[in-house]
PDB file of N, CA and C in Angstrom:
ATOM      1  N   MET A   1     -34.954  11.174  57.298  1.00  0.00           N
ATOM      2  CA  MET A   1     -36.314  10.705  57.359  1.00  0.00           C
ATOM      3  C   MET A   1     -36.986  11.395  58.543  1.00  0.00           C
ATOM      4  N   SER A   2     -38.186  11.842  58.335  1.00  0.00           N
ATOM      5  CA  SER A   2     -38.875  12.535  59.415  1.00  0.00           C
ATOM      6  C   SER A   2     -39.415  11.545  60.437  1.00  0.00           C
ATOM      7  N   ARG A   3     -39.513  12.020  61.667  1.00  0.00           N
ATOM      8  CA  ARG A   3     -40.038  11.190  62.749  1.00  0.00           C
ATOM      9  C   ARG A   3     -41.470  10.785  62.454  1.00  0.00           C
ATOM     10  N   ARG A   4     -42.230  11.710  61.930  1.00  0.00           N
ATOM     11  CA  ARG A   4     -43.644  11.429  61.646  1.00  0.00           C
ATOM     12  C   ARG A   4     -43.787  10.299  60.624  1.00  0.00           C
ATOM     13  N   LEU A   5     -42.999  10.336  59.559  1.00  0.00           N
ATOM     14  CA  LEU A   5     -43.028   9.273  58.556  1.00  0.00           C
ATOM     15  C   LEU A   5     -42.643   7.947  59.194  1.00  0.00           C
ATOM     16  N   SER A   6     -41.606   7.971  60.001  1.00  0.00           N
ATOM     17  CA  SER A   6     -41.128   6.751  60.644  1.00  0.00           C
ATOM     18  C   SER A   6     -42.174   6.149  61.567  1.00  0.00           C
ATOM     19  N   VAL A   7     -42.692   6.949  62.478  1.00  0.00           N
ATOM     20  CA  VAL A   7     -43.602   6.445  63.500  1.00  0.00           C
ATOM     21  C   VAL A   7     -44.989   6.147  62.960  1.00  0.00           C
ATOM     22  N   GLU A   8     -45.538   7.079  62.192  1.00  0.00           N
ATOM     23  CA  GLU A   8     -46.927   6.940  61.773  1.00  0.00           C
ATOM     24  C   GLU A   8     -47.121   6.076  60.536  1.00  0.00           C
ATOM     25  N   THR A   9     -46.101   5.942  59.720  1.00  0.00           N
ATOM     26  CA  THR A   9     -46.276   5.212  58.475  1.00  0.00           C
ATOM     27  C   THR A   9     -45.443   3.947  58.408  1.00  0.00           C
ATOM     28  N   LEU A  10     -44.133   4.086  58.458  1.00  0.00           N
ATOM     29  CA  LEU A  10     -43.268   2.930  58.256  1.00  0.00           C
ATOM     30  C   LEU A  10     -43.417   1.869  59.339  1.00  0.00           C
ATOM     31  N   GLU A  11     -43.454   2.289  60.601  1.00  0.00           N
ATOM     32  CA  GLU A  11     -43.592   1.302  61.660  1.00  0.00           C
ATOM     33  C   GLU A  11     -44.957   0.623  61.607  1.00  0.00           C
ATOM     34  N   ALA A  12     -46.003   1.386  61.345  1.00  0.00           N
ATOM     35  CA  ALA A  12     -47.343   0.805  61.254  1.00  0.00           C
ATOM     36  C   ALA A  12     -47.431  -0.174  60.075  1.00  0.00           C
ATOM     37  N   LEU A  13     -46.921   0.221  58.945  1.00  0.00           N
ATOM     38  CA  LEU A  13     -46.907  -0.649  57.779  1.00  0.00           C
ATOM     39  C   LEU A  13     -46.046  -1.883  58.037  1.00  0.00           C
ATOM     40  N   GLY A  14     -44.921  -1.683  58.697  1.00  0.00           N
ATOM     41  CA  GLY A  14     -44.041  -2.798  59.037  1.00  0.00           C
ATOM     42  C   GLY A  14     -44.710  -3.819  59.939  1.00  0.00           C
ATOM     43  N   ARG A  15     -45.514  -3.355  60.894  1.00  0.00           N
ATOM     44  CA  ARG A  15     -46.234  -4.291  61.768  1.00  0.00           C
ATOM     45  C   ARG A  15     -47.227  -5.127  60.981  1.00  0.00           C
ATOM     46  N   ILE A  16     -47.874  -4.522  60.004  1.00  0.00           N
ATOM     47  CA  ILE A  16     -48.828  -5.261  59.155  1.00  0.00           C
ATOM     48  C   ILE A  16     -48.085  -6.306  58.335  1.00  0.00           C
ATOM     49  N   VAL A  17     -46.990  -5.905  57.709  1.00  0.00           N
ATOM     50  CA  VAL A  17     -46.187  -6.827  56.901  1.00  0.00           C
ATOM     51  C   VAL A  17     -45.652  -7.957  57.772  1.00  0.00           C
ATOM     52  N   GLU A  18     -45.156  -7.612  58.938  1.00  0.00           N
ATOM     53  CA  GLU A  18     -44.619  -8.604  59.869  1.00  0.00           C
ATOM     54  C   GLU A  18     -45.690  -9.643  60.234  1.00  0.00           C
ATOM     55  N   ALA A  19     -46.887  -9.178  60.561  1.00  0.00           N
ATOM     56  CA  ALA A  19     -47.975 -10.092  60.933  1.00  0.00           C
ATOM     57  C   ALA A  19     -48.384 -10.982  59.762  1.00  0.00           C
ATOM     58  N   GLU A  20     -48.485 -10.406  58.575  1.00  0.00           N
ATOM     59  CA  GLU A  20     -48.886 -11.187  57.396  1.00  0.00           C
ATOM     60  C   GLU A  20     -47.850 -12.244  57.042  1.00  0.00           C
ATOM     61  N   LEU A  21     -46.588 -11.856  57.020  1.00  0.00           N
ATOM     62  CA  LEU A  21     -45.539 -12.825  56.713  1.00  0.00           C
ATOM     63  C   LEU A  21     -45.468 -13.932  57.752  1.00  0.00           C
ATOM     64  N   SER A  22     -45.612 -13.549  59.007  1.00  0.00           N
ATOM     65  CA  SER A  22     -45.565 -14.534  60.089  1.00  0.00           C
ATOM     66  C   SER A  22     -46.736 -15.508  59.995  1.00  0.00           C
ATOM     67  N   ALA A  23     -47.897 -15.015  59.615  1.00  0.00           N
ATOM     68  CA  ALA A  23     -49.084 -15.874  59.515  1.00  0.00           C
ATOM     69  C   ALA A  23     -49.031 -16.786  58.297  1.00  0.00           C
ATOM     70  N   LYS A  24     -48.455 -16.302  57.204  1.00  0.00           N
ATOM     71  CA  LYS A  24     -48.522 -17.051  55.950  1.00  0.00           C
ATOM     72  C   LYS A  24     -47.257 -17.819  55.589  1.00  0.00           C
ATOM     73  N   LEU A  25     -46.098 -17.398  56.078  1.00  0.00           N
ATOM     74  CA  LEU A  25     -44.857 -18.060  55.687  1.00  0.00           C
ATOM     75  C   LEU A  25     -44.110 -18.641  56.877  1.00  0.00           C
ATOM     76  N   PHE A  26     -43.516 -17.771  57.661  1.00  0.00           N
ATOM     77  CA  PHE A  26     -42.706 -18.181  58.807  1.00  0.00           C
ATOM     78  C   PHE A  26     -42.588 -16.985  59.744  1.00  0.00           C
ATOM     79  N   PRO A  27     -42.220 -17.212  61.003  1.00  0.00           N
ATOM     80  CA  PRO A  27     -42.116 -16.086  61.943  1.00  0.00           C
ATOM     81  C   PRO A  27     -41.121 -15.021  61.465  1.00  0.00           C
ATOM     82  N   VAL A  28     -41.575 -13.787  61.458  1.00  0.00           N
ATOM     83  CA  VAL A  28     -40.766 -12.660  61.009  1.00  0.00           C
ATOM     84  C   VAL A  28     -40.749 -11.601  62.104  1.00  0.00           C
ATOM     85  N   SER A  29     -39.591 -11.006  62.322  1.00  0.00           N
ATOM     86  CA  SER A  29     -39.477  -9.915  63.282  1.00  0.00           C
ATOM     87  C   SER A  29     -38.695  -8.784  62.613  1.00  0.00           C
ATOM     88  N   ILE A  30     -39.324  -7.633  62.495  1.00  0.00           N
ATOM     89  CA  ILE A  30     -38.682  -6.470  61.887  1.00  0.00           C
ATOM     90  C   ILE A  30     -38.102  -5.614  63.007  1.00  0.00           C
ATOM     91  N   ARG A  31     -36.835  -5.266  62.886  1.00  0.00           N
ATOM     92  CA  ARG A  31     -36.159  -4.463  63.910  1.00  0.00           C
ATOM     93  C   ARG A  31     -36.128  -2.996  63.465  1.00  0.00           C
ATOM     94  N   TRP A  32     -36.455  -2.109  64.409  1.00  0.00           N
ATOM     95  CA  TRP A  32     -36.578  -0.695  64.080  1.00  0.00           C
ATOM     96  C   TRP A  32     -35.438   0.150  64.632  1.00  0.00           C
ATOM     97  N   GLN A  33     -34.389  -0.456  65.156  1.00  0.00           N
ATOM     98  CA  GLN A  33     -33.305   0.317  65.758  1.00  0.00           C
ATOM     99  C   GLN A  33     -32.685   1.323  64.800  1.00  0.00           C
ATOM    100  N   GLU A  34     -32.522   0.944  63.545  1.00  0.00           N
ATOM    101  CA  GLU A  34     -31.913   1.854  62.583  1.00  0.00           C
ATOM    102  C   GLU A  34     -32.761   3.112  62.386  1.00  0.00           C
ATOM    103  N   LEU A  35     -34.075   2.961  62.363  1.00  0.00           N
ATOM    104  CA  LEU A  35     -34.945   4.121  62.207  1.00  0.00           C
ATOM    105  C   LEU A  35     -34.930   4.986  63.461  1.00  0.00           C
ATOM    106  N   ARG A  36     -34.887   4.370  64.615  1.00  0.00           N
ATOM    107  CA  ARG A  36     -34.906   5.126  65.860  1.00  0.00           C
ATOM    108  C   ARG A  36     -33.617   5.903  66.088  1.00  0.00           C
ATOM    109  N   ALA A  37     -32.513   5.433  65.545  1.00  0.00           N
ATOM    110  CA  ALA A  37     -31.239   6.125  65.734  1.00  0.00           C
ATOM    111  C   ALA A  37     -31.313   7.544  65.191  1.00  0.00           C
ATOM    112  N   SER A  38     -31.999   7.732  64.081  1.00  0.00           N
ATOM    113  CA  SER A  38     -32.100   9.076  63.495  1.00  0.00           C
ATOM    114  C   SER A  38     -32.993   9.988  64.328  1.00  0.00           C
ATOM    115  N   ASP A  39     -33.735   9.421  65.239  1.00  0.00           N
ATOM    116  CA  ASP A  39     -34.682  10.175  66.058  1.00  0.00           C
ATOM    117  C   ASP A  39     -34.144  10.430  67.468  1.00  0.00           C
ATOM    118  N   LEU A  40     -32.935  10.012  67.751  1.00  0.00           N
ATOM    119  CA  LEU A  40     -32.394  10.073  69.108  1.00  0.00           C
ATOM    120  C   LEU A  40     -32.329  11.495  69.654  1.00  0.00           C
ATOM    121  N   GLN A  41     -31.901  12.447  68.847  1.00  0.00           N
ATOM    122  CA  GLN A  41     -31.790  13.822  69.321  1.00  0.00           C
ATOM    123  C   GLN A  41     -33.153  14.381  69.723  1.00  0.00           C
ATOM    124  N   THR A  42     -34.164  14.107  68.938  1.00  0.00           N
ATOM    125  CA  THR A  42     -35.515  14.580  69.250  1.00  0.00           C
ATOM    126  C   THR A  42     -35.996  13.976  70.560  1.00  0.00           C
ATOM    127  N   ARG A  43     -35.749  12.687  70.741  1.00  0.00           N
ATOM    128  CA  ARG A  43     -36.177  12.012  71.969  1.00  0.00           C
ATOM    129  C   ARG A  43     -35.424  12.553  73.186  1.00  0.00           C
ATOM    130  N   ALA A  44     -34.131  12.809  73.015  1.00  0.00           N
ATOM    131  CA  ALA A  44     -33.332  13.357  74.119  1.00  0.00           C
ATOM    132  C   ALA A  44     -33.833  14.750  74.509  1.00  0.00           C
ATOM    133  N   CYS A  45     -34.181  15.557  73.541  1.00  0.00           N
ATOM    134  CA  CYS A  45     -34.734  16.891  73.820  1.00  0.00           C
ATOM    135  C   CYS A  45     -36.068  16.776  74.553  1.00  0.00           C
ATOM    136  N   SER A  46     -36.856  15.778  74.190  1.00  0.00           N
ATOM    137  CA  SER A  46     -38.135  15.552  74.872  1.00  0.00           C
ATOM    138  C   SER A  46     -37.908  15.199  76.333  1.00  0.00           C
ATOM    139  N   VAL A  47     -36.936  14.337  76.588  1.00  0.00           N
ATOM    140  CA  VAL A  47     -36.615  13.969  77.971  1.00  0.00           C
ATOM    141  C   VAL A  47     -36.185  15.218  78.740  1.00  0.00           C
ATOM    142  N   ASP A  48     -35.304  16.004  78.155  1.00  0.00           N
ATOM    143  CA  ASP A  48     -34.835  17.228  78.805  1.00  0.00           C
ATOM    144  C   ASP A  48     -35.996  18.153  79.144  1.00  0.00           C
ATOM    145  N   SER A  49     -36.907  18.338  78.209  1.00  0.00           N
ATOM    146  CA  SER A  49     -38.063  19.217  78.437  1.00  0.00           C
ATOM    147  C   SER A  49     -38.950  18.686  79.562  1.00  0.00           C
ATOM    148  N   LEU A  50     -39.173  17.391  79.586  1.00  0.00           N
ATOM    149  CA  LEU A  50     -40.006  16.800  80.635  1.00  0.00           C
ATOM    150  C   LEU A  50     -39.350  16.921  82.002  1.00  0.00           C
ATOM    151  N   VAL A  51     -38.047  16.680  82.064  1.00  0.00           N
ATOM    152  CA  VAL A  51     -37.327  16.791  83.339  1.00  0.00           C
ATOM    153  C   VAL A  51     -37.382  18.236  83.852  1.00  0.00           C
ATOM    154  N   LYS A  52     -37.312  19.192  82.953  1.00  0.00           N
ATOM    155  CA  LYS A  52     -37.366  20.607  83.355  1.00  0.00           C
ATOM    156  C   LYS A  52     -38.706  20.999  83.957  1.00  0.00           C
ATOM    157  N   VAL A  53     -39.760  20.236  83.652  1.00  0.00           N
ATOM    158  CA  VAL A  53     -41.070  20.520  84.256  1.00  0.00           C
ATOM    159  C   VAL A  53     -41.381  19.516  85.367  1.00  0.00           C
ATOM    160  N   ASP A  54     -40.315  18.983  85.964  1.00  0.00           N
ATOM    161  CA  ASP A  54     -40.386  18.136  87.151  1.00  0.00           C
ATOM    162  C   ASP A  54     -40.962  16.731  86.938  1.00  0.00           C
ATOM    163  N   VAL A  55     -40.832  16.207  85.737  1.00  0.00           N
ATOM    164  CA  VAL A  55     -41.151  14.791  85.524  1.00  0.00           C
ATOM    165  C   VAL A  55     -39.896  14.010  85.894  1.00  0.00           C
ATOM    166  N   GLU A  56     -40.054  12.934  86.660  1.00  0.00           N
ATOM    167  CA  GLU A  56     -38.919  12.105  87.075  1.00  0.00           C
ATOM    168  C   GLU A  56     -38.187  11.599  85.838  1.00  0.00           C
ATOM    169  N   LYS A  57     -36.853  11.580  85.901  1.00  0.00           N
ATOM    170  CA  LYS A  57     -36.040  11.252  84.725  1.00  0.00           C
ATOM    171  C   LYS A  57     -36.399   9.893  84.113  1.00  0.00           C
ATOM    172  N   GLY A  58     -36.560   8.873  84.932  1.00  0.00           N
ATOM    173  CA  GLY A  58     -36.910   7.548  84.416  1.00  0.00           C
ATOM    174  C   GLY A  58     -38.255   7.551  83.700  1.00  0.00           C
ATOM    175  N   LYS A  59     -39.228   8.259  84.264  1.00  0.00           N
ATOM    176  CA  LYS A  59     -40.560   8.365  83.646  1.00  0.00           C
ATOM    177  C   LYS A  59     -40.461   9.149  82.334  1.00  0.00           C
ATOM    178  N   ALA A  60     -39.670  10.210  82.326  1.00  0.00           N
ATOM    179  CA  ALA A  60     -39.487  11.002  81.112  1.00  0.00           C
ATOM    180  C   ALA A  60     -38.871  10.158  80.000  1.00  0.00           C
ATOM    181  N   MET A  61     -37.902   9.325  80.352  1.00  0.00           N
ATOM    182  CA  MET A  61     -37.269   8.449  79.354  1.00  0.00           C
ATOM    183  C   MET A  61     -38.265   7.418  78.826  1.00  0.00           C
ATOM    184  N   GLU A  62     -39.100   6.906  79.723  1.00  0.00           N
ATOM    185  CA  GLU A  62     -40.129   5.956  79.299  1.00  0.00           C
ATOM    186  C   GLU A  62     -41.115   6.608  78.337  1.00  0.00           C
ATOM    187  N   ILE A  63     -41.560   7.805  78.652  1.00  0.00           N
ATOM    188  CA  ILE A  63     -42.488   8.544  77.797  1.00  0.00           C
ATOM    189  C   ILE A  63     -41.883   8.772  76.414  1.00  0.00           C
ATOM    190  N   ALA A  64     -40.596   9.107  76.385  1.00  0.00           N
ATOM    191  CA  ALA A  64     -39.917   9.400  75.124  1.00  0.00           C
ATOM    192  C   ALA A  64     -39.492   8.128  74.375  1.00  0.00           C
ATOM    193  N   GLY A  65     -39.743   6.969  74.960  1.00  0.00           N
ATOM    194  CA  GLY A  65     -39.390   5.726  74.299  1.00  0.00           C
ATOM    195  C   GLY A  65     -37.923   5.369  74.417  1.00  0.00           C
ATOM    196  N   LEU A  66     -37.287   5.854  75.474  1.00  0.00           N
ATOM    197  CA  LEU A  66     -35.863   5.600  75.661  1.00  0.00           C
ATOM    198  C   LEU A  66     -35.571   4.687  76.850  1.00  0.00           C
ATOM    199  N   SER A  67     -36.596   4.139  77.447  1.00  0.00           N
ATOM    200  CA  SER A  67     -36.356   3.278  78.603  1.00  0.00           C
ATOM    201  C   SER A  67     -35.758   1.954  78.160  1.00  0.00           C
ATOM    202  N   VAL A  68     -34.975   1.372  79.040  1.00  0.00           N
ATOM    203  CA  VAL A  68     -34.285   0.109  78.738  1.00  0.00           C
ATOM    204  C   VAL A  68     -35.128  -1.059  79.175  1.00  0.00           C
TER     205      VAL A  68
END
């Protein structure tokens, strides 16, 4: 699955579904860890690139969505 499909479409659609179900039925929380796992290499490369241009490692991880 492409990162673009995951981030721009599935997650956005999932947030809408989550809000609608929570409002009309019961609280719902959709977890995206499975989708993010396929994107880990891309995010790690982003962190590496940012660190190479002197961005602090913690900030680079936050930017790439890898902060804890």
